[in-house]
Protein backbone atom coordinates (compact mmCIF):
# COMPACT_ATOMS: atom_id res chain seq x y z
CA GLY A 1 0.19 -0.23 0.26
CA ALA A 2 1.77 2.99 1.21
CA ALA A 3 5.47 1.43 0.57
CA GLN A 4 4.42 0.69 -3.28
CA THR A 5 3.06 3.86 -3.47
CA THR A 6 6.12 6.15 -2.02
CA SER A 7 8.66 3.58 -4.03
CA MET A 8 6.78 4.09 -7.34
CA PHE A 9 6.52 7.57 -6.83
CA PRO A 10 10.47 8.45 -6.91
CA GLN A 11 10.68 6.80 -10.47
CA CYS A 12 7.67 8.62 -11.75
CA PHE A 13 9.18 11.87 -10.82
CA LEU A 14 12.38 10.47 -12.44
CA SER A 15 10.76 9.71 -15.33
CA CYS A 16 9.73 12.95 -15.96
CA ARG A 17 12.05 14.33 -14.60
CA ASP A 18 14.52 12.67 -17.36
CA VAL A 19 12.23 13.34 -19.97
CA PHE A 20 12.41 17.09 -19.49
CA MET A 21 16.09 17.37 -19.53
CA ALA A 22 16.29 15.45 -22.52
CA ALA A 23 14.19 18.10 -24.30
CA HIS A 24 16.33 20.84 -23.24
CA TRP A 25 19.03 19.19 -24.38
CA LEU A 26 17.90 18.29 -27.38
CA SER A 27 17.33 21.86 -27.92
CA PHE A 28 19.89 23.03 -26.65
CA LEU A 29 22.18 20.95 -28.91
CA GLN A 30 20.28 22.01 -31.61
CA GLN A 31 20.67 25.94 -30.63
CA GLN A 32 24.75 24.71 -30.26
CA GLN A 33 24.09 23.43 -34.19
CA LYS A 34 22.85 26.49 -35.82
CA VAL A 35 25.47 29.05 -33.74
CA GLN A 36 28.01 26.70 -35.08
CA ILE A 37 26.86 27.08 -38.31
């Protein structure tokens, strides 16, 4: 019950954070490529 919920919450948070960071890095890399070109 509570133990499973508390253990699953960090996993969901990390996954959402990873998706956000991935999108941020993709936009950052695109900007870097535009600057280089």
